[in-house]
Full PDB file with SEQRES, HELIX, SHEET, SSBOND, CRYST1, ORIGX, SCALE, CONECT and MASTER records, all heavy atoms in Angstrom:
SEQRES   1 A   43  SER GLY PRO GLU PRO GLY THR PRO GLY GLN LEU TYR HIS          
SEQRES   2 A   43  ILE PHE ASP ASP PRO TYR GLU THR ASP ASP LEU TRP SER          
SEQRES   3 A   43  THR ARG PRO GLU ILE VAL GLU ARG LEU THR ALA LEU LEU          
SEQRES   4 A   43  GLY ARG PHE LYS                                              
HELIX    1 AA1 PRO A   29  PHE A   42  1                                  14    
CRYST1    1.000    1.000    1.000  90.00  90.00  90.00 P 1           1          
ORIGX1      1.000000  0.000000  0.000000        0.00000                         
ORIGX2      0.000000  1.000000  0.000000        0.00000                         
ORIGX3      0.000000  0.000000  1.000000        0.00000                         
SCALE1      1.000000  0.000000  0.000000        0.00000                         
SCALE2      0.000000  1.000000  0.000000        0.00000                         
SCALE3      0.000000  0.000000  1.000000        0.00000                         
ATOM      1  N   SER A   1      94.270 123.139 115.869  1.00  0.00           N  
ATOM      2  CA  SER A   1      94.795 123.770 117.051  1.00  0.00           C  
ATOM      3  C   SER A   1      94.882 122.783 118.191  1.00  0.00           C  
ATOM      4  O   SER A   1      94.601 121.584 118.049  1.00  0.00           O  
ATOM      5  CB  SER A   1      93.896 124.945 117.446  1.00  0.00           C  
ATOM      6  OG  SER A   1      92.605 124.450 117.809  1.00  0.00           O  
ATOM      7  N   GLY A   2      95.242 123.266 119.330  1.00  0.00           N  
ATOM      8  CA  GLY A   2      95.239 122.420 120.551  1.00  0.00           C  
ATOM      9  C   GLY A   2      93.848 122.275 121.106  1.00  0.00           C  
ATOM     10  O   GLY A   2      92.882 122.782 120.547  1.00  0.00           O  
ATOM     11  N   PRO A   3      93.719 121.542 122.215  1.00  0.00           N  
ATOM     12  CA  PRO A   3      92.370 121.359 122.779  1.00  0.00           C  
ATOM     13  C   PRO A   3      91.765 122.629 123.311  1.00  0.00           C  
ATOM     14  O   PRO A   3      92.443 123.481 123.849  1.00  0.00           O  
ATOM     15  CB  PRO A   3      92.645 120.353 123.900  1.00  0.00           C  
ATOM     16  CG  PRO A   3      94.094 120.561 124.276  1.00  0.00           C  
ATOM     17  CD  PRO A   3      94.775 120.908 123.001  1.00  0.00           C  
ATOM     18  N   GLU A   4      90.456 122.752 123.138  1.00  0.00           N  
ATOM     19  CA  GLU A   4      89.701 123.868 123.715  1.00  0.00           C  
ATOM     20  C   GLU A   4      88.684 123.252 124.683  1.00  0.00           C  
ATOM     21  O   GLU A   4      87.605 122.837 124.278  1.00  0.00           O  
ATOM     22  CB  GLU A   4      89.031 124.670 122.632  1.00  0.00           C  
ATOM     23  CG  GLU A   4      90.018 125.298 121.627  1.00  0.00           C  
ATOM     24  CD  GLU A   4      89.330 126.084 120.556  1.00  0.00           C  
ATOM     25  OE1 GLU A   4      88.124 126.413 120.718  1.00  0.00           O  
ATOM     26  OE2 GLU A   4      89.964 126.387 119.526  1.00  0.00           O  
ATOM     27  N   PRO A   5      89.045 123.169 126.006  1.00  0.00           N  
ATOM     28  CA  PRO A   5      88.198 122.499 126.972  1.00  0.00           C  
ATOM     29  C   PRO A   5      86.754 123.002 126.929  1.00  0.00           C  
ATOM     30  O   PRO A   5      86.514 124.202 126.841  1.00  0.00           O  
ATOM     31  CB  PRO A   5      88.863 122.818 128.285  1.00  0.00           C  
ATOM     32  CG  PRO A   5      90.312 123.024 127.930  1.00  0.00           C  
ATOM     33  CD  PRO A   5      90.281 123.692 126.581  1.00  0.00           C  
ATOM     34  N   GLY A   6      85.826 122.042 126.998  1.00  0.00           N  
ATOM     35  CA  GLY A   6      84.418 122.392 126.988  1.00  0.00           C  
ATOM     36  C   GLY A   6      83.744 122.458 125.649  1.00  0.00           C  
ATOM     37  O   GLY A   6      82.519 122.566 125.568  1.00  0.00           O  
ATOM     38  N   THR A   7      84.565 122.410 124.585  1.00  0.00           N  
ATOM     39  CA  THR A   7      83.977 122.448 123.229  1.00  0.00           C  
ATOM     40  C   THR A   7      83.712 121.036 122.761  1.00  0.00           C  
ATOM     41  O   THR A   7      84.251 120.059 123.269  1.00  0.00           O  
ATOM     42  CB  THR A   7      84.927 123.139 122.242  1.00  0.00           C  
ATOM     43  OG1 THR A   7      86.171 122.390 122.149  1.00  0.00           O  
ATOM     44  CG2 THR A   7      85.244 124.584 122.718  1.00  0.00           C  
ATOM     45  N   PRO A   8      82.805 120.889 121.731  1.00  0.00           N  
ATOM     46  CA  PRO A   8      82.524 119.535 121.258  1.00  0.00           C  
ATOM     47  C   PRO A   8      83.760 118.824 120.720  1.00  0.00           C  
ATOM     48  O   PRO A   8      84.674 119.460 120.162  1.00  0.00           O  
ATOM     49  CB  PRO A   8      81.503 119.805 120.139  1.00  0.00           C  
ATOM     50  CG  PRO A   8      80.922 121.133 120.466  1.00  0.00           C  
ATOM     51  CD  PRO A   8      81.999 121.901 121.104  1.00  0.00           C  
ATOM     52  N   GLY A   9      83.759 117.531 120.868  1.00  0.00           N  
ATOM     53  CA  GLY A   9      84.806 116.692 120.300  1.00  0.00           C  
ATOM     54  C   GLY A   9      84.295 115.848 119.156  1.00  0.00           C  
ATOM     55  O   GLY A   9      83.421 116.275 118.421  1.00  0.00           O  
ATOM     56  N   GLN A  10      84.841 114.635 119.017  1.00  0.00           N  
ATOM     57  CA  GLN A  10      84.441 113.743 117.919  1.00  0.00           C  
ATOM     58  C   GLN A  10      84.315 112.314 118.494  1.00  0.00           C  
ATOM     59  O   GLN A  10      85.065 111.926 119.398  1.00  0.00           O  
ATOM     60  CB  GLN A  10      85.498 113.742 116.831  1.00  0.00           C  
ATOM     61  CG  GLN A  10      85.800 115.136 116.266  1.00  0.00           C  
ATOM     62  CD  GLN A  10      87.096 115.168 115.463  1.00  0.00           C  
ATOM     63  OE1 GLN A  10      87.234 114.468 114.465  1.00  0.00           O  
ATOM     64  NE2 GLN A  10      88.029 116.006 115.891  1.00  0.00           N  
ATOM     65  N   LEU A  11      83.437 111.558 117.917  1.00  0.00           N  
ATOM     66  CA  LEU A  11      83.214 110.163 118.319  1.00  0.00           C  
ATOM     67  C   LEU A  11      83.003 109.335 117.066  1.00  0.00           C  
ATOM     68  O   LEU A  11      82.144 109.661 116.235  1.00  0.00           O  
ATOM     69  CB  LEU A  11      82.014 110.018 119.254  1.00  0.00           C  
ATOM     70  CG  LEU A  11      81.668 108.605 119.694  1.00  0.00           C  
ATOM     71  CD1 LEU A  11      82.741 108.049 120.644  1.00  0.00           C  
ATOM     72  CD2 LEU A  11      80.286 108.530 120.366  1.00  0.00           C  
ATOM     73  N   TYR A  12      83.780 108.244 116.972  1.00  0.00           N  
ATOM     74  CA  TYR A  12      83.668 107.406 115.816  1.00  0.00           C  
ATOM     75  C   TYR A  12      83.520 105.926 116.215  1.00  0.00           C  
ATOM     76  O   TYR A  12      84.188 105.483 117.176  1.00  0.00           O  
ATOM     77  CB  TYR A  12      84.906 107.544 114.892  1.00  0.00           C  
ATOM     78  CG  TYR A  12      85.083 108.946 114.391  1.00  0.00           C  
ATOM     79  CD1 TYR A  12      86.027 109.781 114.978  1.00  0.00           C  
ATOM     80  CD2 TYR A  12      84.302 109.435 113.370  1.00  0.00           C  
ATOM     81  CE1 TYR A  12      86.187 111.108 114.539  1.00  0.00           C  
ATOM     82  CE2 TYR A  12      84.446 110.745 112.938  1.00  0.00           C  
ATOM     83  CZ  TYR A  12      85.392 111.563 113.511  1.00  0.00           C  
ATOM     84  OH  TYR A  12      85.548 112.849 113.082  1.00  0.00           O  
ATOM     85  N   HIS A  13      82.705 105.191 115.484  1.00  0.00           N  
ATOM     86  CA  HIS A  13      82.616 103.719 115.639  1.00  0.00           C  
ATOM     87  C   HIS A  13      83.644 103.161 114.695  1.00  0.00           C  
ATOM     88  O   HIS A  13      83.449 102.992 113.501  1.00  0.00           O  
ATOM     89  CB  HIS A  13      81.214 103.242 115.272  1.00  0.00           C  
ATOM     90  CG  HIS A  13      80.962 101.810 115.637  1.00  0.00           C  
ATOM     91  ND1 HIS A  13      81.586 100.756 115.037  1.00  0.00           N  
ATOM     92  CD2 HIS A  13      80.188 101.280 116.626  1.00  0.00           C  
ATOM     93  CE1 HIS A  13      81.171  99.632 115.558  1.00  0.00           C  
ATOM     94  NE2 HIS A  13      80.342  99.883 116.554  1.00  0.00           N  
ATOM     95  N   ILE A  14      84.835 102.878 115.231  1.00  0.00           N  
ATOM     96  CA  ILE A  14      86.012 102.606 114.410  1.00  0.00           C  
ATOM     97  C   ILE A  14      85.891 101.297 113.689  1.00  0.00           C  
ATOM     98  O   ILE A  14      86.559 101.084 112.625  1.00  0.00           O  
ATOM     99  CB  ILE A  14      87.303 102.693 115.277  1.00  0.00           C  
ATOM    100  CG1 ILE A  14      88.462 103.200 114.453  1.00  0.00           C  
ATOM    101  CG2 ILE A  14      87.578 101.363 115.946  1.00  0.00           C  
ATOM    102  CD1 ILE A  14      88.391 104.647 114.088  1.00  0.00           C  
ATOM    103  N   PHE A  15      85.065 100.367 114.135  1.00  0.00           N  
ATOM    104  CA  PHE A  15      84.870  99.114 113.411  1.00  0.00           C  
ATOM    105  C   PHE A  15      84.011  99.345 112.150  1.00  0.00           C  
ATOM    106  O   PHE A  15      84.314  98.858 111.084  1.00  0.00           O  
ATOM    107  CB  PHE A  15      84.190  98.068 114.279  1.00  0.00           C  
ATOM    108  CG  PHE A  15      85.127  97.518 115.373  1.00  0.00           C  
ATOM    109  CD1 PHE A  15      84.621  96.590 116.306  1.00  0.00           C  
ATOM    110  CD2 PHE A  15      86.407  97.922 115.504  1.00  0.00           C  
ATOM    111  CE1 PHE A  15      85.437  96.059 117.293  1.00  0.00           C  
ATOM    112  CE2 PHE A  15      87.247  97.420 116.506  1.00  0.00           C  
ATOM    113  CZ  PHE A  15      86.753  96.505 117.391  1.00  0.00           C  
ATOM    114  N   ASP A  16      82.896 100.057 112.303  1.00  0.00           N  
ATOM    115  CA  ASP A  16      81.982 100.283 111.184  1.00  0.00           C  
ATOM    116  C   ASP A  16      82.458 101.461 110.321  1.00  0.00           C  
ATOM    117  O   ASP A  16      82.101 101.508 109.140  1.00  0.00           O  
ATOM    118  CB  ASP A  16      80.592 100.601 111.700  1.00  0.00           C  
ATOM    119  CG  ASP A  16      79.926  99.416 112.374  1.00  0.00           C  
ATOM    120  OD1 ASP A  16      80.429  98.248 112.150  1.00  0.00           O  
ATOM    121  OD2 ASP A  16      78.921  99.596 113.084  1.00  0.00           O  
ATOM    122  N   ASP A  17      83.221 102.372 110.939  1.00  0.00           N  
ATOM    123  CA  ASP A  17      83.649 103.597 110.255  1.00  0.00           C  
ATOM    124  C   ASP A  17      85.119 103.798 110.475  1.00  0.00           C  
ATOM    125  O   ASP A  17      85.549 104.734 111.170  1.00  0.00           O  
ATOM    126  CB  ASP A  17      82.803 104.776 110.805  1.00  0.00           C  
ATOM    127  CG  ASP A  17      83.179 106.115 110.192  1.00  0.00           C  
ATOM    128  OD1 ASP A  17      83.621 106.112 109.019  1.00  0.00           O  
ATOM    129  OD2 ASP A  17      83.033 107.160 110.896  1.00  0.00           O  
ATOM    130  N   PRO A  18      85.949 102.914 109.933  1.00  0.00           N  
ATOM    131  CA  PRO A  18      87.395 102.981 110.251  1.00  0.00           C  
ATOM    132  C   PRO A  18      88.075 104.261 109.715  1.00  0.00           C  
ATOM    133  O   PRO A  18      89.149 104.638 110.248  1.00  0.00           O  
ATOM    134  CB  PRO A  18      87.988 101.764 109.552  1.00  0.00           C  
ATOM    135  CG  PRO A  18      86.987 101.421 108.460  1.00  0.00           C  
ATOM    136  CD  PRO A  18      85.662 101.816 109.022  1.00  0.00           C  
ATOM    137  N   TYR A  19      87.464 104.927 108.761  1.00  0.00           N  
ATOM    138  CA  TYR A  19      88.125 106.107 108.171  1.00  0.00           C  
ATOM    139  C   TYR A  19      87.565 107.418 108.736  1.00  0.00           C  
ATOM    140  O   TYR A  19      87.811 108.480 108.184  1.00  0.00           O  
ATOM    141  CB  TYR A  19      88.024 106.051 106.661  1.00  0.00           C  
ATOM    142  CG  TYR A  19      88.535 104.728 106.130  1.00  0.00           C  
ATOM    143  CD1 TYR A  19      87.812 103.927 105.286  1.00  0.00           C  
ATOM    144  CD2 TYR A  19      89.803 104.247 106.545  1.00  0.00           C  
ATOM    145  CE1 TYR A  19      88.274 102.718 104.842  1.00  0.00           C  
ATOM    146  CE2 TYR A  19      90.304 103.032 106.108  1.00  0.00           C  
ATOM    147  CZ  TYR A  19      89.502 102.264 105.262  1.00  0.00           C  
ATOM    148  OH  TYR A  19      89.980 101.044 104.798  1.00  0.00           O  
ATOM    149  N   GLU A  20      86.816 107.309 109.852  1.00  0.00           N  
ATOM    150  CA  GLU A  20      86.400 108.445 110.639  1.00  0.00           C  
ATOM    151  C   GLU A  20      85.650 109.514 109.806  1.00  0.00           C  
ATOM    152  O   GLU A  20      86.026 110.661 109.757  1.00  0.00           O  
ATOM    153  CB  GLU A  20      87.612 109.072 111.317  1.00  0.00           C  
ATOM    154  CG  GLU A  20      88.279 108.125 112.311  1.00  0.00           C  
ATOM    155  CD  GLU A  20      89.653 108.586 112.781  1.00  0.00           C  
ATOM    156  OE1 GLU A  20      90.592 108.570 111.943  1.00  0.00           O  
ATOM    157  OE2 GLU A  20      89.766 108.949 113.948  1.00  0.00           O  
ATOM    158  N   THR A  21      84.577 109.069 109.156  1.00  0.00           N  
ATOM    159  CA  THR A  21      83.771 109.945 108.337  1.00  0.00           C  
ATOM    160  C   THR A  21      82.466 110.341 108.987  1.00  0.00           C  
ATOM    161  O   THR A  21      81.865 111.344 108.566  1.00  0.00           O  
ATOM    162  CB  THR A  21      83.475 109.291 106.974  1.00  0.00           C  
ATOM    163  OG1 THR A  21      82.725 108.064 107.207  1.00  0.00           O  
ATOM    164  CG2 THR A  21      84.771 108.941 106.254  1.00  0.00           C  
ATOM    165  N   ASP A  22      81.998 109.581 109.946  1.00  0.00           N  
ATOM    166  CA  ASP A  22      80.647 109.794 110.536  1.00  0.00           C  
ATOM    167  C   ASP A  22      80.809 110.106 112.028  1.00  0.00           C  
ATOM    168  O   ASP A  22      80.962 109.225 112.875  1.00  0.00           O  
ATOM    169  CB  ASP A  22      79.789 108.563 110.332  1.00  0.00           C  
ATOM    170  CG  ASP A  22      78.335 108.767 110.799  1.00  0.00           C  
ATOM    171  OD1 ASP A  22      77.958 109.929 111.033  1.00  0.00           O  
ATOM    172  OD2 ASP A  22      77.647 107.751 110.933  1.00  0.00           O  
ATOM    173  N   ASP A  23      80.797 111.389 112.380  1.00  0.00           N  
ATOM    174  CA  ASP A  23      80.989 111.827 113.759  1.00  0.00           C  
ATOM    175  C   ASP A  23      79.699 111.624 114.536  1.00  0.00           C  
ATOM    176  O   ASP A  23      78.653 112.250 114.222  1.00  0.00           O  
ATOM    177  CB  ASP A  23      81.404 113.275 113.758  1.00  0.00           C  
ATOM    178  CG  ASP A  23      81.692 113.837 115.131  1.00  0.00           C  
ATOM    179  OD1 ASP A  23      81.585 113.087 116.129  1.00  0.00           O  
ATOM    180  OD2 ASP A  23      81.988 115.036 115.238  1.00  0.00           O  
ATOM    181  N   LEU A  24      79.773 110.787 115.582  1.00  0.00           N  
ATOM    182  CA  LEU A  24      78.604 110.444 116.376  1.00  0.00           C  
ATOM    183  C   LEU A  24      78.585 111.162 117.744  1.00  0.00           C  
ATOM    184  O   LEU A  24      77.855 110.758 118.661  1.00  0.00           O  
ATOM    185  CB  LEU A  24      78.542 108.922 116.610  1.00  0.00           C  
ATOM    186  CG  LEU A  24      78.512 108.067 115.310  1.00  0.00           C  
ATOM    187  CD1 LEU A  24      78.590 106.587 115.657  1.00  0.00           C  
ATOM    188  CD2 LEU A  24      77.260 108.388 114.503  1.00  0.00           C  
ATOM    189  N   TRP A  25      79.369 112.230 117.868  1.00  0.00           N  
ATOM    190  CA  TRP A  25      79.472 112.922 119.148  1.00  0.00           C  
ATOM    191  C   TRP A  25      78.102 113.354 119.688  1.00  0.00           C  
ATOM    192  O   TRP A  25      77.809 113.121 120.878  1.00  0.00           O  
ATOM    193  CB  TRP A  25      80.364 114.165 118.953  1.00  0.00           C  
ATOM    194  CG  TRP A  25      80.416 115.071 120.165  1.00  0.00           C  
ATOM    195  CD1 TRP A  25      79.562 116.097 120.475  1.00  0.00           C  
ATOM    196  CD2 TRP A  25      81.359 115.017 121.207  1.00  0.00           C  
ATOM    197  NE1 TRP A  25      79.921 116.693 121.628  1.00  0.00           N  
ATOM    198  CE2 TRP A  25      81.034 116.053 122.118  1.00  0.00           C  
ATOM    199  CE3 TRP A  25      82.474 114.261 121.506  1.00  0.00           C  
ATOM    200  CZ2 TRP A  25      81.773 116.313 123.267  1.00  0.00           C  
ATOM    201  CZ3 TRP A  25      83.224 114.503 122.644  1.00  0.00           C  
ATOM    202  CH2 TRP A  25      82.859 115.520 123.528  1.00  0.00           C  
ATOM    203  N   SER A  26      77.264 113.902 118.860  1.00  0.00           N  
ATOM    204  CA  SER A  26      76.012 114.476 119.343  1.00  0.00           C  
ATOM    205  C   SER A  26      74.911 113.411 119.473  1.00  0.00           C  
ATOM    206  O   SER A  26      73.902 113.658 120.130  1.00  0.00           O  
ATOM    207  CB  SER A  26      75.537 115.572 118.396  1.00  0.00           C  
ATOM    208  OG  SER A  26      75.319 115.078 117.092  1.00  0.00           O  
ATOM    209  N   THR A  27      75.091 112.232 118.858  1.00  0.00           N  
ATOM    210  CA  THR A  27      74.034 111.234 118.881  1.00  0.00           C  
ATOM    211  C   THR A  27      74.273 110.095 119.878  1.00  0.00           C  
ATOM    212  O   THR A  27      73.370 109.318 120.131  1.00  0.00           O  
ATOM    213  CB  THR A  27      73.847 110.603 117.491  1.00  0.00           C  
ATOM    214  OG1 THR A  27      75.073 110.005 117.054  1.00  0.00           O  
ATOM    215  CG2 THR A  27      73.437 111.690 116.505  1.00  0.00           C  
ATOM    216  N   ARG A  28      75.480 109.968 120.410  1.00  0.00           N  
ATOM    217  CA  ARG A  28      75.769 108.911 121.407  1.00  0.00           C  
ATOM    218  C   ARG A  28      76.410 109.517 122.657  1.00  0.00           C  
ATOM    219  O   ARG A  28      77.551 109.208 122.998  1.00  0.00           O  
ATOM    220  CB  ARG A  28      76.704 107.844 120.778  1.00  0.00           C  
ATOM    221  CG  ARG A  28      76.120 107.112 119.565  1.00  0.00           C  
ATOM    222  CD  ARG A  28      74.828 106.388 119.891  1.00  0.00           C  
ATOM    223  NE  ARG A  28      74.982 105.378 120.912  1.00  0.00           N  
ATOM    224  CZ  ARG A  28      75.297 104.107 120.718  1.00  0.00           C  
ATOM    225  NH1 ARG A  28      75.509 103.691 119.518  1.00  0.00           N  
ATOM    226  NH2 ARG A  28      75.384 103.269 121.738  1.00  0.00           N  
ATOM    227  N   PRO A  29      75.682 110.343 123.355  1.00  0.00           N  
ATOM    228  CA  PRO A  29      76.239 111.016 124.545  1.00  0.00           C  
ATOM    229  C   PRO A  29      76.639 110.029 125.640  1.00  0.00           C  
ATOM    230  O   PRO A  29      77.563 110.326 126.395  1.00  0.00           O  
ATOM    231  CB  PRO A  29      75.113 111.934 124.984  1.00  0.00           C  
ATOM    232  CG  PRO A  29      73.861 111.335 124.426  1.00  0.00           C  
ATOM    233  CD  PRO A  29      74.276 110.756 123.107  1.00  0.00           C  
ATOM    234  N   GLU A  30      76.023 108.872 125.707  1.00  0.00           N  
ATOM    235  CA  GLU A  30      76.374 107.917 126.730  1.00  0.00           C  
ATOM    236  C   GLU A  30      77.774 107.332 126.493  1.00  0.00           C  
ATOM    237  O   GLU A  30      78.517 107.043 127.456  1.00  0.00           O  
ATOM    238  CB  GLU A  30      75.331 106.796 126.812  1.00  0.00           C  
ATOM    239  CG  GLU A  30      75.375 105.744 125.722  1.00  0.00           C  
ATOM    240  CD  GLU A  30      74.817 106.162 124.371  1.00  0.00           C  
ATOM    241  OE1 GLU A  30      74.452 107.385 124.240  1.00  0.00           O  
ATOM    242  OE2 GLU A  30      74.733 105.334 123.452  1.00  0.00           O  
ATOM    243  N   ILE A  31      78.139 107.160 125.217  1.00  0.00           N  
ATOM    244  CA  ILE A  31      79.500 106.692 124.925  1.00  0.00           C  
ATOM    245  C   ILE A  31      80.502 107.788 125.220  1.00  0.00           C  
ATOM    246  O   ILE A  31      81.589 107.537 125.772  1.00  0.00           O  
ATOM    247  CB  ILE A  31      79.581 106.231 123.445  1.00  0.00           C  
ATOM    248  CG1 ILE A  31      78.580 105.161 123.123  1.00  0.00           C  
ATOM    249  CG2 ILE A  31      81.013 105.726 123.141  1.00  0.00           C  
ATOM    250  CD1 ILE A  31      78.736 103.873 123.916  1.00  0.00           C  
ATOM    251  N   VAL A  32      80.175 109.021 124.876  1.00  0.00           N  
ATOM    252  CA  VAL A  32      81.058 110.146 125.173  1.00  0.00           C  
ATOM    253  C   VAL A  32      81.319 110.195 126.672  1.00  0.00           C  
ATOM    254  O   VAL A  32      82.466 110.381 127.115  1.00  0.00           O  
ATOM    255  CB  VAL A  32      80.452 111.462 124.649  1.00  0.00           C  
ATOM    256  CG1 VAL A  32      81.244 112.645 125.160  1.00  0.00           C  
ATOM    257  CG2 VAL A  32      80.387 111.458 123.139  1.00  0.00           C  
ATOM    258  N   GLU A  33      80.275 110.087 127.448  1.00  0.00           N  
ATOM    259  CA  GLU A  33      80.394 110.168 128.905  1.00  0.00           C  
ATOM    260  C   GLU A  33      81.229 109.039 129.457  1.00  0.00           C  
ATOM    261  O   GLU A  33      82.114 109.250 130.306  1.00  0.00           O  
ATOM    262  CB  GLU A  33      79.013 110.163 129.543  1.00  0.00           C  
ATOM    263  CG  GLU A  33      79.021 110.273 131.028  1.00  0.00           C  
ATOM    264  CD  GLU A  33      77.644 110.317 131.664  1.00  0.00           C  
ATOM    265  OE1 GLU A  33      76.651 110.149 130.907  1.00  0.00           O  
ATOM    266  OE2 GLU A  33      77.529 110.490 132.890  1.00  0.00           O  
ATOM    267  N   ARG A  34      81.010 107.834 128.963  1.00  0.00           N  
ATOM    268  CA  ARG A  34      81.745 106.676 129.495  1.00  0.00           C  
ATOM    269  C   ARG A  34      83.212 106.736 129.154  1.00  0.00           C  
ATOM    270  O   ARG A  34      84.075 106.486 130.007  1.00  0.00           O  
ATOM    271  CB  ARG A  34      81.112 105.391 128.907  1.00  0.00           C  
ATOM    272  CG  ARG A  34      81.843 104.097 129.319  1.00  0.00           C  
ATOM    273  CD  ARG A  34      81.030 102.884 129.022  1.00  0.00           C  
ATOM    274  NE  ARG A  34      80.779 102.686 127.621  1.00  0.00           N  
ATOM    275  CZ  ARG A  34      81.630 102.138 126.747  1.00  0.00           C  
ATOM    276  NH1 ARG A  34      82.808 101.735 127.174  1.00  0.00           N  
ATOM    277  NH2 ARG A  34      81.293 101.992 125.489  1.00  0.00           N  
ATOM    278  N   LEU A  35      83.553 107.094 127.927  1.00  0.00           N  
ATOM    279  CA  LEU A  35      84.954 107.146 127.531  1.00  0.00           C  
ATOM    280  C   LEU A  35      85.670 108.323 128.124  1.00  0.00           C  
ATOM    281  O   LEU A  35      86.883 108.267 128.444  1.00  0.00           O  
ATOM    282  CB  LEU A  35      85.095 107.120 126.018  1.00  0.00           C  
ATOM    283  CG  LEU A  35      84.646 105.836 125.303  1.00  0.00           C  
ATOM    284  CD1 LEU A  35      85.065 105.850 123.856  1.00  0.00           C  
ATOM    285  CD2 LEU A  35      85.155 104.598 126.013  1.00  0.00           C  
ATOM    286  N   THR A  36      84.965 109.413 128.303  1.00  0.00           N  
ATOM    287  CA  THR A  36      85.560 110.584 128.965  1.00  0.00           C  
ATOM    288  C   THR A  36      85.931 110.207 130.394  1.00  0.00           C  
ATOM    289  O   THR A  36      87.037 110.596 130.889  1.00  0.00           O  
ATOM    290  CB  THR A  36      84.610 111.787 128.967  1.00  0.00           C  
ATOM    291  OG1 THR A  36      84.285 112.160 127.621  1.00  0.00           O  
ATOM    292  CG2 THR A  36      85.200 112.990 129.668  1.00  0.00           C  
ATOM    293  N   ALA A  37      85.080 109.488 131.045  1.00  0.00           N  
ATOM    294  CA  ALA A  37      85.369 109.044 132.416  1.00  0.00           C  
ATOM    295  C   ALA A  37      86.544 108.074 132.466  1.00  0.00           C  
ATOM    296  O   ALA A  37      87.380 108.128 133.392  1.00  0.00           O  
ATOM    297  CB  ALA A  37      84.097 108.417 133.027  1.00  0.00           C  
ATOM    298  N   LEU A  38      86.617 107.190 131.453  1.00  0.00           N  
ATOM    299  CA  LEU A  38      87.714 106.206 131.437  1.00  0.00           C  
ATOM    300  C   LEU A  38      89.050 106.956 131.257  1.00  0.00           C  
ATOM    301  O   LEU A  38      90.033 106.650 131.931  1.00  0.00           O  
ATOM    302  CB  LEU A  38      87.496 105.219 130.298  1.00  0.00           C  
ATOM    303  CG  LEU A  38      88.583 104.137 130.136  1.00  0.00           C  
ATOM    304  CD1 LEU A  38      88.710 103.284 131.396  1.00  0.00           C  
ATOM    305  CD2 LEU A  38      88.263 103.247 128.922  1.00  0.00           C  
ATOM    306  N   LEU A  39      89.120 107.920 130.330  1.00  0.00           N  
ATOM    307  CA  LEU A  39      90.323 108.694 130.158  1.00  0.00           C  
ATOM    308  C   LEU A  39      90.679 109.443 131.435  1.00  0.00           C  
ATOM    309  O   LEU A  39      91.854 109.489 131.821  1.00  0.00           O  
ATOM    310  CB  LEU A  39      90.160 109.655 128.967  1.00  0.00           C  
ATOM    311  CG  LEU A  39      91.356 110.604 128.696  1.00  0.00           C  
ATOM    312  CD1 LEU A  39      92.640 109.815 128.408  1.00  0.00           C  
ATOM    313  CD2 LEU A  39      91.021 111.542 127.530  1.00  0.00           C  
ATOM    314  N   GLY A  40      89.664 110.004 132.062  1.00  0.00           N  
ATOM    315  CA  GLY A  40      89.926 110.711 133.317  1.00  0.00           C  
ATOM    316  C   GLY A  40      90.516 109.784 134.388  1.00  0.00           C  
ATOM    317  O   GLY A  40      91.369 110.167 135.150  1.00  0.00           O  
ATOM    318  N   ARG A  41      90.032 108.542 134.435  1.00  0.00           N  
ATOM    319  CA  ARG A  41      90.579 107.571 135.388  1.00  0.00           C  
ATOM    320  C   ARG A  41      92.008 107.248 135.076  1.00  0.00           C  
ATOM    321  O   ARG A  41      92.851 107.173 135.978  1.00  0.00           O  
ATOM    322  CB  ARG A  41      89.726 106.302 135.385  1.00  0.00           C  
ATOM    323  CG  ARG A  41      90.266 105.176 136.287  1.00  0.00           C  
ATOM    324  CD  ARG A  41      89.256 104.099 136.524  1.00  0.00           C  
ATOM    325  NE  ARG A  41      88.954 103.340 135.348  1.00  0.00           N  
ATOM    326  CZ  ARG A  41      89.668 102.272 134.943  1.00  0.00           C  
ATOM    327  NH1 ARG A  41      90.777 101.961 135.554  1.00  0.00           N  
ATOM    328  NH2 ARG A  41      89.331 101.597 133.855  1.00  0.00           N  
ATOM    329  N   PHE A  42      92.342 107.038 133.803  1.00  0.00           N  
ATOM    330  CA  PHE A  42      93.710 106.764 133.413  1.00  0.00           C  
ATOM    331  C   PHE A  42      94.650 107.903 133.838  1.00  0.00           C  
ATOM    332  O   PHE A  42      95.775 107.686 134.294  1.00  0.00           O  
ATOM    333  CB  PHE A  42      93.830 106.541 131.928  1.00  0.00           C  
ATOM    334  CG  PHE A  42      93.272 105.218 131.428  1.00  0.00           C  
ATOM    335  CD1 PHE A  42      93.075 105.006 130.089  1.00  0.00           C  
ATOM    336  CD2 PHE A  42      92.962 104.204 132.332  1.00  0.00           C  
ATOM    337  CE1 PHE A  42      92.586 103.809 129.612  1.00  0.00           C  
ATOM    338  CE2 PHE A  42      92.461 103.003 131.879  1.00  0.00           C  
ATOM    339  CZ  PHE A  42      92.277 102.791 130.511  1.00  0.00           C  
ATOM    340  N   LYS A  43      94.198 109.145 133.643  1.00  0.00           N  
ATOM    341  CA  LYS A  43      94.990 110.280 134.039  1.00  0.00           C  
ATOM    342  C   LYS A  43      95.189 110.332 135.553  1.00  0.00           C  
ATOM    343  O   LYS A  43      96.290 110.563 136.055  1.00  0.00           O  
ATOM    344  CB  LYS A  43      94.359 111.574 133.521  1.00  0.00           C  
ATOM    345  CG  LYS A  43      94.389 111.756 132.033  1.00  0.00           C  
ATOM    346  CD  LYS A  43      93.746 113.084 131.645  1.00  0.00           C  
ATOM    347  CE  LYS A  43      93.766 113.360 130.182  1.00  0.00           C  
ATOM    348  NZ  LYS A  43      93.118 114.653 129.817  1.00  0.00           N  
TER     349      LYS A  43                                                      
MASTER        0    0    0    1    0    0    0    6  348    1    0    4          
END                                                                             
């Protein structure tokens, strides 16, 4: 579906996990916060 604001997303270490099999959303909240802020700045 389309985005559902406020629901969990996905986070991948694309170098170690290029095929997006290990979702790190819940274990690396600092990366989620930093990249969310970066996307917000670009917008």
